[in-house]
Amino acid sequence: MVSMILAVSAPKGDTAEWWDPADVCLIAHGDAERSVDRRMWLAAGAIASLATGIMGGPAVVALAYLKNARVPFTRWKDLENKSPEYRTVYSRCYEDKMREIRIKSSAAGCAVGSLLFSAVYFIGILPFLIVY
């Protein structure tokens, strides 16, 4: 696989004459890392799996994928003086990273909740279901 990094010209509004999409993606990924609440998505996956067994966890993972992952308005204010191409690259990278973090966190929570559900079932409920 060959990867190509392009330098894009930004004629008006940018402080620099040239910018690199890879650098813009690194900035967007860092901003997404700081703005997502991993613990909330982890807890949501764990609670859903623990409460409903096998069905709730995948529903939270699907919600993590489908939930709006747009750049917040406060960040758009900082990008006002950038070119439209810069904002497009930034928003695409930000949204992709935000969605990736949400999915990984909720899937980890789903796994933890499923393990806890199994442990509760086998230790707490199953002995009462065994007929002597």
C-alpha atoms as a PDB file:
ATOM      1  CA  MET A   1       0.000   0.000   0.000  1.00  0.00           C
ATOM      2  CA  VAL A   2       1.399   3.363  -0.981  1.00  0.00           C
ATOM      3  CA  SER A   3       0.471   6.416   1.030  1.00  0.00           C
ATOM      4  CA  MET A   4       0.744   9.875  -0.393  1.00  0.00           C
ATOM      5  CA  ILE A   5       0.851  13.101   1.566  1.00  0.00           C
ATOM      6  CA  LEU A   6      -0.302  16.133  -0.323  1.00  0.00           C
ATOM      7  CA  ALA A   7       0.444  19.717   0.497  1.00  0.00           C
ATOM      8  CA  VAL A   8      -2.626  21.837  -0.114  1.00  0.00           C
ATOM      9  CA  SER A   9      -2.527  25.502  -0.944  1.00  0.00           C
ATOM     10  CA  ALA A  10      -4.667  27.739   1.219  1.00  0.00           C
ATOM     11  CA  PRO A  11      -4.705  31.123  -0.505  1.00  0.00           C
ATOM     12  CA  LYS A  12      -6.897  33.205   1.785  1.00  0.00           C
ATOM     13  CA  GLY A  13      -7.337  33.369   5.508  1.00  0.00           C
ATOM     14  CA  ASP A  14      -4.661  30.913   6.605  1.00  0.00           C
ATOM     15  CA  THR A  15      -1.657  32.099   8.527  1.00  0.00           C
ATOM     16  CA  ALA A  16       0.570  29.719   6.567  1.00  0.00           C
ATOM     17  CA  GLU A  17       0.778  29.499   2.805  1.00  0.00           C
ATOM     18  CA  TRP A  18       0.879  25.668   2.726  1.00  0.00           C
ATOM     19  CA  TRP A  19      -0.494  23.055   5.081  1.00  0.00           C
ATOM     20  CA  ASP A  20      -0.275  19.297   5.238  1.00  0.00           C
ATOM     21  CA  PRO A  21      -3.459  17.189   5.640  1.00  0.00           C
ATOM     22  CA  ALA A  22      -1.569  14.709   7.830  1.00  0.00           C
ATOM     23  CA  ASP A  23      -0.725  17.511  10.260  1.00  0.00           C
ATOM     24  CA  VAL A  24      -4.331  18.683  10.274  1.00  0.00           C
ATOM     25  CA  CYS A  25      -5.461  15.136  11.086  1.00  0.00           C
ATOM     26  CA  LEU A  26      -3.001  14.951  13.980  1.00  0.00           C
ATOM     27  CA  ILE A  27      -4.420  18.178  15.398  1.00  0.00           C
ATOM     28  CA  ALA A  28      -8.000  16.933  14.937  1.00  0.00           C
ATOM     29  CA  HIS A  29      -7.195  13.573  16.554  1.00  0.00           C
ATOM     30  CA  GLY A  30      -5.694  15.319  19.572  1.00  0.00           C
ATOM     31  CA  ASP A  31      -8.757  17.544  19.936  1.00  0.00           C
ATOM     32  CA  ALA A  32     -11.071  14.527  19.665  1.00  0.00           C
ATOM     33  CA  GLU A  33      -9.052  12.631  22.292  1.00  0.00           C
ATOM     34  CA  ARG A  34      -9.460  15.525  24.708  1.00  0.00           C
ATOM     35  CA  SER A  35     -13.159  16.060  24.086  1.00  0.00           C
ATOM     36  CA  VAL A  36     -14.589  12.523  24.301  1.00  0.00           C
ATOM     37  CA  ASP A  37     -15.646  11.036  27.633  1.00  0.00           C
ATOM     38  CA  ARG A  38     -14.315   7.483  27.474  1.00  0.00           C
ATOM     39  CA  ARG A  39     -15.570   6.556  30.946  1.00  0.00           C
ATOM     40  CA  MET A  40     -19.147   7.442  30.044  1.00  0.00           C
ATOM     41  CA  TRP A  41     -19.120   5.180  26.964  1.00  0.00           C
ATOM     42  CA  LEU A  42     -17.374   2.410  28.902  1.00  0.00           C
ATOM     43  CA  ALA A  43     -19.981   2.616  31.654  1.00  0.00           C
ATOM     44  CA  ALA A  44     -22.843   2.708  29.151  1.00  0.00           C
ATOM     45  CA  GLY A  45     -21.627  -0.491  27.482  1.00  0.00           C
ATOM     46  CA  ALA A  46     -21.041  -2.237  30.814  1.00  0.00           C
ATOM     47  CA  ILE A  47     -24.394  -1.245  32.305  1.00  0.00           C
ATOM     48  CA  ALA A  48     -26.329  -2.187  29.172  1.00  0.00           C
ATOM     49  CA  SER A  49     -24.642  -5.600  28.996  1.00  0.00           C
ATOM     50  CA  LEU A  50     -25.011  -6.224  32.699  1.00  0.00           C
ATOM     51  CA  ALA A  51     -28.682  -5.247  32.710  1.00  0.00           C
ATOM     52  CA  THR A  52     -29.813  -7.020  29.554  1.00  0.00           C
ATOM     53  CA  GLY A  53     -27.233  -9.710  28.942  1.00  0.00           C
ATOM     54  CA  ILE A  54     -26.175 -10.151  25.370  1.00  0.00           C
ATOM     55  CA  MET A  55     -28.565  -7.675  23.688  1.00  0.00           C
ATOM     56  CA  GLY A  56     -27.833  -4.341  25.397  1.00  0.00           C
ATOM     57  CA  GLY A  57     -24.111  -4.086  24.762  1.00  0.00           C
ATOM     58  CA  PRO A  58     -24.242  -4.261  20.961  1.00  0.00           C
ATOM     59  CA  ALA A  59     -27.050  -1.694  21.026  1.00  0.00           C
ATOM     60  CA  VAL A  60     -24.756   0.743  22.848  1.00  0.00           C
ATOM     61  CA  VAL A  61     -21.962   0.060  20.346  1.00  0.00           C
ATOM     62  CA  ALA A  62     -24.396   0.800  17.513  1.00  0.00           C
ATOM     63  CA  LEU A  63     -25.452   3.984  19.287  1.00  0.00           C
ATOM     64  CA  ALA A  64     -21.796   4.987  19.619  1.00  0.00           C
ATOM     65  CA  TYR A  65     -21.409   4.579  15.874  1.00  0.00           C
ATOM     66  CA  LEU A  66     -24.599   6.379  14.931  1.00  0.00           C
ATOM     67  CA  LYS A  67     -24.416   9.253  17.438  1.00  0.00           C
ATOM     68  CA  ASN A  68     -23.541  12.624  16.035  1.00  0.00           C
ATOM     69  CA  ALA A  69     -19.760  13.126  16.199  1.00  0.00           C
ATOM     70  CA  ARG A  70     -19.510  16.637  14.823  1.00  0.00           C
ATOM     71  CA  VAL A  71     -16.947  19.265  15.664  1.00  0.00           C
ATOM     72  CA  PRO A  72     -18.227  21.424  18.549  1.00  0.00           C
ATOM     73  CA  PHE A  73     -19.200  25.016  17.833  1.00  0.00           C
ATOM     74  CA  THR A  74     -16.472  26.386  20.107  1.00  0.00           C
ATOM     75  CA  ARG A  75     -13.848  24.642  17.980  1.00  0.00           C
ATOM     76  CA  TRP A  76     -15.414  25.948  14.747  1.00  0.00           C
ATOM     77  CA  LYS A  77     -14.887  29.472  16.060  1.00  0.00           C
ATOM     78  CA  ASP A  78     -11.136  28.757  16.166  1.00  0.00           C
ATOM     79  CA  LEU A  79     -11.246  27.475  12.581  1.00  0.00           C
ATOM     80  CA  GLU A  80     -12.998  30.533  11.119  1.00  0.00           C
ATOM     81  CA  ASN A  81      -9.832  31.972   9.634  1.00  0.00           C
ATOM     82  CA  LYS A  82      -8.875  28.694   7.931  1.00  0.00           C
ATOM     83  CA  SER A  83      -9.667  27.736   4.349  1.00  0.00           C
ATOM     84  CA  PRO A  84     -12.700  25.567   3.517  1.00  0.00           C
ATOM     85  CA  GLU A  85     -10.402  22.695   2.526  1.00  0.00           C
ATOM     86  CA  TYR A  86      -8.632  22.864   5.900  1.00  0.00           C
ATOM     87  CA  ARG A  87     -11.966  22.820   7.758  1.00  0.00           C
ATOM     88  CA  THR A  88     -13.181  19.874   5.673  1.00  0.00           C
ATOM     89  CA  VAL A  89     -10.061  17.801   6.395  1.00  0.00           C
ATOM     90  CA  TYR A  90     -10.167  18.766  10.075  1.00  0.00           C
ATOM     91  CA  SER A  91     -13.850  17.898  10.518  1.00  0.00           C
ATOM     92  CA  ARG A  92     -13.545  14.556   8.717  1.00  0.00           C
ATOM     93  CA  CYS A  93     -10.542  13.509  10.815  1.00  0.00           C
ATOM     94  CA  TYR A  94     -12.177  14.761  14.033  1.00  0.00           C
ATOM     95  CA  GLU A  95     -15.404  12.858  13.378  1.00  0.00           C
ATOM     96  CA  ASP A  96     -13.583   9.647  12.455  1.00  0.00           C
ATOM     97  CA  LYS A  97     -11.438   9.722  15.596  1.00  0.00           C
ATOM     98  CA  MET A  98     -14.388  10.599  17.841  1.00  0.00           C
ATOM     99  CA  ARG A  99     -16.424   7.702  16.446  1.00  0.00           C
ATOM    100  CA  GLU A 100     -13.461   5.305  16.813  1.00  0.00           C
ATOM    101  CA  ILE A 101     -12.947   6.244  20.471  1.00  0.00           C
ATOM    102  CA  ARG A 102     -16.651   5.886  21.267  1.00  0.00           C
ATOM    103  CA  ILE A 103     -16.892   2.485  19.597  1.00  0.00           C
ATOM    104  CA  LYS A 104     -13.778   1.095  21.293  1.00  0.00           C
ATOM    105  CA  SER A 105     -14.835   2.359  24.724  1.00  0.00           C
ATOM    106  CA  SER A 106     -18.391   1.069  24.464  1.00  0.00           C
ATOM    107  CA  ALA A 107     -17.196  -2.307  23.114  1.00  0.00           C
ATOM    108  CA  ALA A 108     -14.793  -2.659  26.056  1.00  0.00           C
ATOM    109  CA  GLY A 109     -17.638  -1.816  28.414  1.00  0.00           C
ATOM    110  CA  CYS A 110     -19.819  -4.371  26.644  1.00  0.00           C
ATOM    111  CA  ALA A 111     -17.181  -7.043  27.205  1.00  0.00           C
ATOM    112  CA  VAL A 112     -16.822  -6.160  30.901  1.00  0.00           C
ATOM    113  CA  GLY A 113     -20.595  -6.127  31.377  1.00  0.00           C
ATOM    114  CA  SER A 114     -20.974  -9.484  29.646  1.00  0.00           C
ATOM    115  CA  LEU A 115     -18.330 -11.032  31.889  1.00  0.00           C
ATOM    116  CA  LEU A 116     -20.026  -9.594  34.977  1.00  0.00           C
ATOM    117  CA  PHE A 117     -23.408 -10.819  33.759  1.00  0.00           C
ATOM    118  CA  SER A 118     -22.009 -14.321  33.297  1.00  0.00           C
ATOM    119  CA  ALA A 119     -20.394 -14.277  36.727  1.00  0.00           C
ATOM    120  CA  VAL A 120     -23.605 -13.103  38.398  1.00  0.00           C
ATOM    121  CA  TYR A 121     -25.602 -15.741  36.572  1.00  0.00           C
ATOM    122  CA  PHE A 122     -23.306 -18.678  37.329  1.00  0.00           C
ATOM    123  CA  ILE A 123     -22.510 -17.717  40.909  1.00  0.00           C
ATOM    124  CA  GLY A 124     -25.767 -16.170  42.068  1.00  0.00           C
ATOM    125  CA  ILE A 125     -28.643 -17.539  40.020  1.00  0.00           C
ATOM    126  CA  LEU A 126     -27.648 -20.922  38.598  1.00  0.00           C
ATOM    127  CA  PRO A 127     -27.364 -22.734  41.988  1.00  0.00           C
ATOM    128  CA  PHE A 128     -31.012 -21.927  42.678  1.00  0.00           C
ATOM    129  CA  LEU A 129     -32.104 -23.336  39.326  1.00  0.00           C
ATOM    130  CA  ILE A 130     -30.514 -26.735  39.856  1.00  0.00           C
ATOM    131  CA  VAL A 131     -33.122 -29.270  40.877  1.00  0.00           C
ATOM    132  CA  TYR A 132     -31.928 -31.920  43.294  1.00  0.00           C
END
